[in-house]
Amino acid sequence: MNLKYLKSLFANKGCKEILVKTLAANDNSKNQVYFGGNFEIINVLPISSIETVDAGDWKRERFKASINFAWLTDEGNISPAPRAQLILYPKYPEVRFSGFLLGSKNAPSKLMTQRLANRLLFISVDNQGKVLGYVSHPDSQVSKEFEKEKDLSANGIFKIIELPQTANNRNILLGELNRIYNLGWIDSKRLDSESNILPCNASNCGGYTLEAELGITPNGYSEPDFMGWEVKQFGVRRFDKIDASVITLMTPEPTDGLYKTKGTEYFIKTYGYKDKRGRPDRMNFGGVHKVGQIHKTTNLEMRLIGFDKESGKIRNSSGRIALMDKDNNETASWSFASLLLHWNRKHNKACYVPSLSQILNNRKYKYGNNIILGTGTDFQLFLSQMAIGNIYYDPGIKLENISTKPKIKNRSQFRIKSKYLPELYKRNEIVNVSDE
C-alpha cells in the first residue's frame, strides 16, 4: 500500500475528500478514538440514528450515533463494522469513535487494539453515505508519504486530503452561481429524481429552480447538494440587502408533548386560533416563538431545557426545546437527539444564495451575485443562537374543513435572519461570484 493507491481506492468508491487523524497511544478499541472537542465532526459523517443515554451512577451522559462504517483492506475490499458508532459527550463536549472492530472480519485489529502513537486513521464518505476507514502503521510507506503532504486544510483535529476530481469544488460552485447570476430571469422549474424538468408553481419554487439549474436531483439520504456543499436559496427585496431576510434552517416535527401524544388536531384546537383572514371553518397555529417569551396569541412559551446558555454547552443529554403552556404542560417538544440528526451533515459546508421573484404571467426567479458561504458548524452553536432569540420557531400549521372532513397541514420551522448566519459557522464569507 502507498498513499497514491490509497487515494485511488477512496476515489473509486465515490469519495470526495479524506479526513486524516494522527492517532495517540490512547486511541484504540479499549479507550475509543478521540474525534474532537466539539460536535463538528458529526456534520461531516452521515449519521443513521441517534439515541440518548442517561447518566447512571457511574456512566457519563451521552448520545450514541450510529454510522454505516466499513474498513478498506489493502486489496481494496470492504469489511463492514456493524457496531461502529460515535459517542457524543455533551458536558465536555467531545466526540469519540467506538465499536469499530466488533463484527468486522477483516478489520485492522492488530493496529487498533494496541497503544501505539502516530498511527494514521484515514476516513471518508462514499457516494452512498457509507463511511470508509483505513489505518496505517507509523513506519509504513503510507504514513511516511503522508508526512510530505503540504498545504492541507483542516477540519477540527483532522487534516483534509482533497481528491483530484473534487479539489476545485468551491471554484466550480462559484463558477456555476456566476453563470446562473448572468442568466437573469429564469422560468420557475424543478427536477424529478430522473432529472426531468417539470414546471413549478408554488411559492417555495425559488429553491427548486436554483437546484434545477445546478442539476441537483432529490437524493435518498442526507447528502449535501452540490459537490459537498448544501445550497440554500433565500428571497430578498434587493440584492444589496442580503442581511435582512429570513431563512428556514430546518423543518423537524415535534418528537414529544401533547402534539405527539394527543395529536395535531387536539394541539391546534387547544392552542391555535381562528383564521385571521376570516376564512371559515379553519384554525391556525403560527407566529414567532422565541425562548423565554410568551407568545401573545398562542400563550405558549418556548424553553430550552438542558442547555446552559452561559457556557454554550448541553448539560443534559435528554434535553429538548419545548413549548410550555400556562399550566406548565409540555405542548410540543423536540429532543436534542432528534435535532442533532436534522442538523447533521447538510450544514458543514453551506452556501446561501439570494433571489428575487416575480409572479406576473409566469413565475420567474433571478439570483444574486453576492452569496454567503459558511463552513464548520456545531449543533451547540445552533442552540446558543436559539437561547438568545436569533433562531426561533415560526410554524405554519393549519386545520381546515373542521366541521366536515378535517384536513391538517403540518409545518414546523426553525428560522433565522440572514444577518445572524455567521454566528452558526466557524468560517464565514460573503463572495461576489462575478469577481471570482
Protein backbone atom coordinates (compact mmCIF):
# COMPACT_ATOMS: atom_id res chain seq x y z
CA MET A 1 0.00 0.00 0.00
CA ASN A 2 1.12 3.52 -0.81
CA LEU A 3 -0.64 6.88 -0.49
CA LYS A 4 -1.41 7.24 -4.21
CA TYR A 5 -3.08 3.83 -4.31
CA LEU A 6 -4.99 4.53 -1.08
CA LYS A 7 -6.32 7.78 -2.56
CA SER A 8 -7.43 5.87 -5.67
CA LEU A 9 -9.29 3.31 -3.53
CA PHE A 10 -11.27 6.08 -1.81
CA ALA A 11 -11.85 7.92 -5.11
CA ASN A 12 -13.12 4.76 -6.82
CA LYS A 13 -15.73 4.43 -4.07
CA GLY A 14 -17.05 7.90 -4.91
CA CYS A 15 -15.36 9.71 -2.01
CA LYS A 16 -14.70 13.44 -2.39
CA GLU A 17 -12.17 14.02 0.38
CA ILE A 18 -10.26 12.08 3.03
CA LEU A 19 -10.00 13.11 6.67
CA VAL A 20 -6.77 12.07 8.37
CA LYS A 21 -6.13 11.89 12.12
CA THR A 22 -2.81 11.16 13.77
CA LEU A 23 -3.73 8.67 16.48
CA ALA A 24 -2.44 8.97 20.03
CA ALA A 25 -1.47 5.88 22.01
CA ASN A 26 -4.81 6.10 23.82
CA ASP A 27 -6.73 6.00 20.53
CA ASN A 28 -7.61 2.31 20.44
CA SER A 29 -10.56 -0.05 20.73
CA LYS A 30 -10.41 -0.11 24.53
CA ASN A 31 -10.34 3.65 25.13
CA GLN A 32 -12.22 4.72 21.97
CA VAL A 33 -10.75 7.09 19.38
CA TYR A 34 -10.93 10.82 20.14
CA PHE A 35 -12.66 12.73 17.34
CA GLY A 36 -12.55 16.27 18.74
CA GLY A 37 -13.60 18.65 21.47
CA ASN A 38 -16.84 19.73 19.78
CA PHE A 39 -19.61 18.23 17.65
CA GLU A 40 -18.23 19.49 14.33
CA ILE A 41 -17.32 16.01 13.04
CA ILE A 42 -20.96 14.87 13.06
CA ASN A 43 -21.68 17.40 10.34
CA VAL A 44 -19.10 15.64 8.18
CA LEU A 45 -20.03 11.99 8.76
CA PRO A 46 -23.60 10.90 7.93
CA ILE A 47 -25.49 9.53 10.92
CA SER A 48 -28.28 6.97 10.58
CA SER A 49 -29.72 7.34 14.09
CA ILE A 50 -29.06 8.98 17.46
CA GLU A 51 -30.14 7.73 20.87
CA THR A 52 -29.90 9.35 24.28
CA VAL A 53 -28.11 7.54 27.11
CA ASP A 54 -28.98 8.99 30.50
CA ALA A 55 -26.34 9.18 33.21
CA GLY A 56 -26.27 6.28 35.64
CA ASP A 57 -24.40 6.01 38.92
CA TRP A 58 -21.04 5.93 37.15
CA LYS A 59 -21.74 6.43 33.48
CA ARG A 60 -21.48 9.79 31.79
CA GLU A 61 -24.45 11.29 29.95
CA ARG A 62 -24.03 10.87 26.22
CA PHE A 63 -25.56 10.43 22.82
CA LYS A 64 -24.87 7.35 20.71
CA ALA A 65 -24.87 7.99 16.97
CA SER A 66 -24.89 5.03 14.60
CA ILE A 67 -22.90 5.27 11.37
CA ASN A 68 -22.63 2.92 8.40
CA PHE A 69 -18.90 2.20 8.70
CA ALA A 70 -16.56 -0.24 6.94
CA TRP A 71 -12.80 -0.79 6.76
CA LEU A 72 -10.89 -0.67 3.47
CA THR A 73 -8.38 -3.52 3.15
CA ASP A 74 -5.05 -3.40 1.36
CA GLU A 75 -6.67 -5.32 -1.50
CA GLY A 76 -9.38 -2.69 -1.90
CA ASN A 77 -12.12 -4.83 -0.36
CA ILE A 78 -14.64 -3.62 2.21
CA SER A 79 -15.07 -5.12 5.68
CA PRO A 80 -18.28 -3.77 7.31
CA ALA A 81 -18.15 -2.90 11.02
CA PRO A 82 -21.83 -3.13 12.04
CA ARG A 83 -21.28 -1.99 15.64
CA ALA A 84 -19.39 1.21 14.81
CA GLN A 85 -20.76 4.37 16.41
CA LEU A 86 -19.90 7.87 17.50
CA ILE A 87 -20.25 8.67 21.21
CA LEU A 88 -21.06 12.32 21.93
CA TYR A 89 -20.31 13.54 25.45
CA PRO A 90 -22.12 16.90 25.68
CA LYS A 91 -20.76 18.14 29.02
CA TYR A 92 -17.14 18.33 27.84
CA PRO A 93 -18.02 18.39 24.91
CA GLU A 94 -16.23 15.74 22.87
CA VAL A 95 -16.86 13.01 20.34
CA ARG A 96 -15.31 9.54 20.38
CA PHE A 97 -15.39 6.65 17.90
CA SER A 98 -16.11 3.14 19.19
CA GLY A 99 -17.30 -0.34 18.19
CA PHE A 100 -15.24 -0.21 15.01
CA LEU A 101 -13.74 -3.72 15.35
CA LEU A 102 -16.78 -5.66 16.57
CA GLY A 103 -18.18 -7.99 13.93
CA SER A 104 -15.73 -6.84 11.24
CA LYS A 105 -13.93 -9.86 9.77
CA ASN A 106 -11.02 -8.04 8.15
CA ALA A 107 -10.67 -5.07 10.47
CA PRO A 108 -7.14 -3.82 11.34
CA SER A 109 -7.42 -5.32 14.83
CA LYS A 110 -3.68 -5.57 15.44
CA LEU A 111 -3.20 -1.84 14.86
CA MET A 112 -6.35 -0.70 16.65
CA THR A 113 -6.05 -2.73 19.85
CA GLN A 114 -2.55 -1.61 20.82
CA ARG A 115 -1.21 1.56 22.40
CA LEU A 116 0.88 2.95 19.56
CA ALA A 117 1.31 6.64 18.84
CA ASN A 118 1.43 8.17 15.36
CA ARG A 119 -0.68 5.64 13.51
CA LEU A 120 -2.78 7.38 10.86
CA LEU A 121 -6.55 6.96 10.55
CA PHE A 122 -7.98 7.81 7.12
CA ILE A 123 -11.77 8.17 6.88
CA SER A 124 -14.06 9.31 4.09
CA VAL A 125 -17.68 9.10 2.90
CA ASP A 126 -18.62 7.33 -0.33
CA ASN A 127 -21.43 8.35 -2.68
CA GLN A 128 -23.93 6.11 -0.85
CA GLY A 129 -23.32 7.58 2.61
CA LYS A 130 -21.05 4.80 3.86
CA VAL A 131 -18.07 5.87 5.99
CA LEU A 132 -14.87 4.10 4.94
CA GLY A 133 -11.76 3.81 7.10
CA TYR A 134 -8.14 2.75 6.76
CA VAL A 135 -5.34 2.79 9.35
CA SER A 136 -1.59 2.77 8.73
CA HIS A 137 1.42 1.92 10.91
CA PRO A 138 3.77 4.85 11.74
CA ASP A 139 6.61 3.14 9.82
CA SER A 140 4.52 2.27 6.76
CA GLN A 141 5.03 3.78 3.32
CA VAL A 142 1.61 5.42 3.53
CA SER A 143 2.47 7.23 6.77
CA LYS A 144 5.86 8.36 5.51
CA GLU A 145 4.37 9.69 2.27
CA PHE A 146 1.62 11.50 4.16
CA GLU A 147 4.27 13.37 6.18
CA LYS A 148 5.35 15.00 2.90
CA GLU A 149 1.87 16.28 2.04
CA LYS A 150 1.85 20.10 2.06
CA ASP A 151 -0.75 22.84 2.47
CA LEU A 152 -3.54 20.59 3.74
CA SER A 153 -6.61 22.28 5.14
CA ALA A 154 -8.10 21.14 8.44
CA ASN A 155 -11.45 20.30 9.96
CA GLY A 156 -11.03 20.27 13.73
CA ILE A 157 -8.33 17.72 14.57
CA PHE A 158 -8.41 16.21 11.07
CA LYS A 159 -6.26 17.12 8.09
CA ILE A 160 -8.09 17.03 4.76
CA ILE A 161 -6.84 15.44 1.55
CA GLU A 162 -8.98 16.69 -1.33
CA LEU A 163 -9.24 14.06 -4.04
CA PRO A 164 -8.36 15.20 -7.58
CA GLN A 165 -11.87 15.13 -9.02
CA THR A 166 -13.18 17.43 -6.27
CA ALA A 167 -10.19 19.57 -5.38
CA ASN A 168 -11.75 22.65 -7.03
CA ASN A 169 -15.29 22.17 -5.76
CA ARG A 170 -15.55 25.63 -4.26
CA ASN A 171 -14.41 27.27 -7.50
CA ILE A 172 -16.76 25.10 -9.55
CA LEU A 173 -19.69 26.07 -7.31
CA LEU A 174 -18.89 29.78 -7.55
CA GLY A 175 -18.47 29.47 -11.33
CA GLU A 176 -21.90 27.86 -11.64
CA LEU A 177 -23.51 30.53 -9.46
CA ASN A 178 -21.90 33.23 -11.61
CA ARG A 179 -23.36 31.56 -14.72
CA ILE A 180 -26.80 31.46 -13.10
CA TYR A 181 -26.47 35.10 -11.99
CA ASN A 182 -25.75 36.11 -15.60
CA LEU A 183 -28.83 34.27 -16.88
CA GLY A 184 -31.10 36.91 -15.34
CA TRP A 185 -34.75 35.86 -15.01
CA ILE A 186 -35.29 32.09 -15.09
CA ASP A 187 -38.64 30.34 -15.51
CA SER A 188 -39.69 28.52 -12.35
CA LYS A 189 -38.98 24.77 -12.54
CA ARG A 190 -37.86 21.68 -10.66
CA LEU A 191 -36.22 18.36 -11.39
CA ASP A 192 -37.63 14.93 -10.62
CA SER A 193 -35.46 12.02 -9.47
CA GLU A 194 -34.61 11.19 -13.09
CA SER A 195 -33.52 14.77 -13.92
CA ASN A 196 -36.62 15.56 -15.97
CA ILE A 197 -37.54 19.27 -15.90
CA LEU A 198 -41.02 19.90 -14.52
CA PRO A 199 -42.97 23.14 -14.02
CA CYS A 200 -43.07 24.58 -10.50
CA ASN A 201 -45.81 26.99 -9.48
CA ALA A 202 -45.68 27.05 -5.69
CA SER A 203 -44.34 29.88 -3.53
CA ASN A 204 -41.29 27.80 -2.50
CA CYS A 205 -40.04 27.19 -6.04
CA GLY A 206 -37.04 29.52 -5.68
CA GLY A 207 -35.01 26.71 -4.15
CA TYR A 208 -36.20 24.12 -6.65
CA THR A 209 -35.36 26.39 -9.59
CA LEU A 210 -31.83 27.00 -8.34
CA GLU A 211 -31.34 23.27 -7.72
CA ALA A 212 -32.59 22.51 -11.23
CA GLU A 213 -30.03 24.90 -12.73
CA LEU A 214 -27.30 23.18 -10.70
CA GLY A 215 -28.53 19.74 -11.76
CA ILE A 216 -29.44 18.75 -8.21
CA THR A 217 -31.99 15.94 -8.05
CA PRO A 218 -33.78 14.70 -4.91
CA ASN A 219 -31.42 12.30 -3.11
CA GLY A 220 -32.21 9.37 -0.89
CA TYR A 221 -30.14 10.32 2.15
CA SER A 222 -28.92 13.45 3.86
CA GLU A 223 -26.15 14.29 1.42
CA PRO A 224 -25.05 17.85 0.61
CA ASP A 225 -26.48 19.12 -2.65
CA PHE A 226 -23.63 20.18 -4.92
CA MET A 227 -20.10 18.78 -4.70
CA GLY A 228 -20.13 18.69 -0.92
CA TRP A 229 -21.98 22.00 -0.49
CA GLU A 230 -25.51 22.44 0.79
CA VAL A 231 -27.08 25.16 -1.38
CA LYS A 232 -29.95 27.22 0.05
CA GLN A 233 -31.87 30.00 -1.65
CA PHE A 234 -33.47 32.87 0.24
CA GLY A 235 -35.73 35.61 -1.05
CA VAL A 236 -34.73 39.27 -0.86
CA ARG A 237 -36.25 42.56 -1.98
CA ARG A 238 -32.96 43.94 -3.25
CA PHE A 239 -29.64 42.22 -3.99
CA ASP A 240 -27.72 44.82 -1.98
CA LYS A 241 -29.75 43.94 1.15
CA ILE A 242 -28.90 40.31 1.80
CA ASP A 243 -28.77 40.68 5.60
CA ALA A 244 -32.47 41.39 6.14
CA SER A 245 -34.10 38.15 5.00
CA VAL A 246 -35.50 35.19 6.92
CA ILE A 247 -34.06 31.75 6.22
CA THR A 248 -35.61 28.42 7.19
CA LEU A 249 -32.86 26.25 8.68
CA MET A 250 -34.80 23.04 9.23
CA THR A 251 -38.35 21.73 9.50
CA PRO A 252 -38.48 18.91 12.08
CA GLU A 253 -41.76 17.73 13.54
CA PRO A 254 -42.07 17.58 17.36
CA THR A 255 -40.92 14.34 18.95
CA ASP A 256 -42.94 14.61 22.16
CA GLY A 257 -45.51 16.66 24.06
CA LEU A 258 -49.27 16.87 23.59
CA TYR A 259 -48.69 17.46 19.87
CA LYS A 260 -47.50 13.84 19.70
CA THR A 261 -49.50 12.13 22.43
CA LYS A 262 -52.91 13.67 21.63
CA GLY A 263 -52.35 14.59 18.00
CA THR A 264 -52.02 17.71 15.86
CA GLU A 265 -55.77 18.32 15.70
CA TYR A 266 -56.04 18.46 19.51
CA PHE A 267 -52.97 20.74 19.61
CA ILE A 268 -54.44 23.22 17.11
CA LYS A 269 -57.89 23.24 18.69
CA THR A 270 -56.38 23.79 22.15
CA TYR A 271 -53.64 26.31 21.39
CA GLY A 272 -54.46 27.61 17.92
CA TYR A 273 -56.74 30.44 16.83
CA LYS A 274 -59.36 31.21 14.21
CA ASP A 275 -58.00 32.20 10.83
CA LYS A 276 -57.08 35.89 10.97
CA ARG A 277 -58.17 36.46 7.36
CA GLY A 278 -61.65 35.26 8.18
CA ARG A 279 -61.51 32.08 6.13
CA PRO A 280 -64.33 29.92 7.50
CA ASP A 281 -64.01 26.52 9.17
CA ARG A 282 -60.28 26.95 9.71
CA MET A 283 -57.87 27.31 12.63
CA ASN A 284 -54.17 28.14 12.54
CA PHE A 285 -51.14 27.83 14.76
CA GLY A 286 -48.32 30.19 13.87
CA GLY A 287 -46.22 33.13 14.90
CA VAL A 288 -42.66 33.75 16.03
CA HIS A 289 -41.93 31.87 19.26
CA LYS A 290 -38.65 32.79 20.96
CA VAL A 291 -37.02 31.27 24.02
CA GLY A 292 -38.14 32.92 27.25
CA GLN A 293 -41.07 34.80 25.70
CA ILE A 294 -44.80 34.08 26.00
CA HIS A 295 -46.45 34.44 22.60
CA LYS A 296 -49.37 36.90 22.71
CA THR A 297 -51.67 34.80 20.54
CA THR A 298 -50.89 31.19 21.46
CA ASN A 299 -49.94 31.96 25.11
CA LEU A 300 -47.14 29.40 24.85
CA GLU A 301 -43.56 29.91 25.98
CA MET A 302 -40.55 28.41 24.21
CA ARG A 303 -37.97 26.93 26.59
CA LEU A 304 -34.54 25.38 26.22
CA ILE A 305 -34.31 22.50 28.68
CA GLY A 306 -30.90 21.01 29.43
CA PHE A 307 -28.77 23.67 27.73
CA ASP A 308 -26.51 26.13 29.55
CA LYS A 309 -26.63 29.49 27.80
CA GLU A 310 -23.57 30.87 29.59
CA SER A 311 -21.18 28.05 28.67
CA GLY A 312 -22.88 27.20 25.39
CA LYS A 313 -22.97 23.51 26.32
CA ILE A 314 -25.60 20.81 26.57
CA ARG A 315 -25.93 19.87 30.23
CA ASN A 316 -28.47 17.09 29.87
CA SER A 317 -28.50 14.52 27.06
CA SER A 318 -32.27 14.20 27.46
CA GLY A 319 -32.57 17.96 26.87
CA ARG A 320 -35.05 19.45 24.45
CA ILE A 321 -36.69 22.53 23.01
CA ALA A 322 -40.21 22.74 24.43
CA LEU A 323 -43.37 24.82 24.10
CA MET A 324 -45.00 25.17 27.52
CA ASP A 325 -48.49 26.42 28.37
CA LYS A 326 -49.51 28.47 31.43
CA ASP A 327 -50.10 25.26 33.43
CA ASN A 328 -46.58 24.06 32.63
CA ASN A 329 -47.81 21.37 30.25
CA GLU A 330 -45.31 20.41 27.57
CA THR A 331 -47.44 21.01 24.48
CA ALA A 332 -44.76 20.18 21.90
CA SER A 333 -41.08 19.39 22.17
CA TRP A 334 -38.05 18.47 20.08
CA SER A 335 -35.39 16.29 21.69
CA PHE A 336 -31.77 17.34 21.24
CA ALA A 337 -31.09 13.85 19.83
CA SER A 338 -33.66 14.34 17.04
CA LEU A 339 -32.43 17.86 16.25
CA LEU A 340 -28.83 16.65 16.11
CA LEU A 341 -29.91 14.22 13.42
CA HIS A 342 -31.62 17.00 11.43
CA TRP A 343 -28.63 19.31 11.79
CA ASN A 344 -26.21 16.54 10.80
CA ARG A 345 -24.34 16.54 7.52
CA LYS A 346 -26.01 19.20 5.41
CA HIS A 347 -24.75 22.22 7.34
CA ASN A 348 -21.00 21.60 7.35
CA LYS A 349 -20.46 23.49 4.07
CA ALA A 350 -23.39 25.75 3.31
CA CYS A 351 -23.98 28.27 0.54
CA TYR A 352 -26.81 30.80 0.79
CA VAL A 353 -27.93 32.44 -2.47
CA PRO A 354 -30.25 35.50 -2.56
CA SER A 355 -33.10 35.60 -5.08
CA LEU A 356 -35.74 37.92 -6.49
CA SER A 357 -39.09 36.60 -7.70
CA GLN A 358 -41.85 37.76 -10.00
CA ILE A 359 -45.24 36.11 -10.43
CA LEU A 360 -46.80 38.19 -13.21
CA ASN A 361 -47.74 35.90 -16.11
CA ASN A 362 -45.18 33.12 -15.42
CA ARG A 363 -43.37 32.66 -12.12
CA LYS A 364 -39.68 33.56 -12.54
CA TYR A 365 -36.59 33.89 -10.35
CA LYS A 366 -33.37 35.86 -10.56
CA TYR A 367 -30.33 35.00 -8.39
CA GLY A 368 -27.85 37.48 -6.93
CA ASN A 369 -24.08 37.70 -7.22
CA ASN A 370 -23.31 38.24 -3.51
CA ILE A 371 -23.61 34.87 -1.80
CA ILE A 372 -22.93 33.77 1.78
CA LEU A 373 -20.57 30.85 2.46
CA GLY A 374 -20.38 29.17 5.87
CA THR A 375 -18.17 26.22 6.80
CA GLY A 376 -17.67 24.33 10.04
CA THR A 377 -20.66 24.22 12.35
CA ASP A 378 -21.64 22.64 15.63
CA PHE A 379 -25.14 21.86 16.92
CA GLN A 380 -24.34 23.72 20.14
CA LEU A 381 -23.90 26.89 18.05
CA PHE A 382 -27.48 26.34 16.88
CA LEU A 383 -28.69 26.07 20.48
CA SER A 384 -26.69 29.16 21.51
CA GLN A 385 -28.44 31.21 18.83
CA MET A 386 -31.76 29.73 19.90
CA ALA A 387 -31.07 30.73 23.51
CA ILE A 388 -30.64 34.42 22.64
CA GLY A 389 -33.57 34.55 20.22
CA ASN A 390 -31.74 34.77 16.89
CA ILE A 391 -33.18 31.38 15.93
CA TYR A 392 -36.88 30.96 16.60
CA TYR A 393 -39.81 28.64 15.98
CA ASP A 394 -42.14 30.03 13.29
CA PRO A 395 -44.69 27.36 12.33
CA GLY A 396 -47.38 27.47 9.68
CA ILE A 397 -49.76 24.78 10.94
CA LYS A 398 -53.40 24.81 9.89
CA LEU A 399 -56.62 22.81 10.33
CA GLU A 400 -59.16 23.20 7.52
CA ASN A 401 -62.69 21.85 6.99
CA ILE A 402 -63.09 21.45 10.74
CA SER A 403 -66.83 20.69 10.71
CA THR A 404 -66.79 18.30 7.74
CA LYS A 405 -63.54 16.49 6.83
CA PRO A 406 -60.74 17.97 8.97
CA LYS A 407 -57.56 18.40 6.97
CA ILE A 408 -54.25 19.17 8.72
CA LYS A 409 -51.15 20.80 7.27
CA ASN A 410 -48.07 20.29 9.44
CA ARG A 411 -45.28 22.83 9.03
CA SER A 412 -42.83 23.28 11.87
CA GLN A 413 -39.98 25.67 11.03
CA PHE A 414 -36.87 26.88 12.82
CA ARG A 415 -35.75 30.12 11.20
CA ILE A 416 -33.06 32.77 11.40
CA LYS A 417 -32.47 36.21 9.89
CA SER A 418 -29.70 36.16 7.32
CA LYS A 419 -27.61 38.70 9.25
CA TYR A 420 -27.14 36.13 12.03
CA LEU A 421 -25.94 33.30 9.75
CA PRO A 422 -22.25 33.97 10.55
CA GLU A 423 -22.95 33.02 14.18
CA LEU A 424 -23.69 29.45 13.08
CA TYR A 425 -20.38 28.84 11.30
CA LYS A 426 -16.77 28.96 12.34
CA ARG A 427 -15.68 30.34 8.98
CA ASN A 428 -17.83 32.84 7.09
CA GLU A 429 -17.52 34.98 3.99
CA ILE A 430 -19.61 36.94 1.54
CA VAL A 431 -18.41 36.29 -2.00
CA ASN A 432 -19.21 38.25 -5.16
CA VAL A 433 -19.35 35.42 -7.71
CA SER A 434 -18.88 37.83 -10.60
CA ASP A 435 -15.40 38.66 -9.22
CA GLU A 436 -14.27 35.04 -8.97
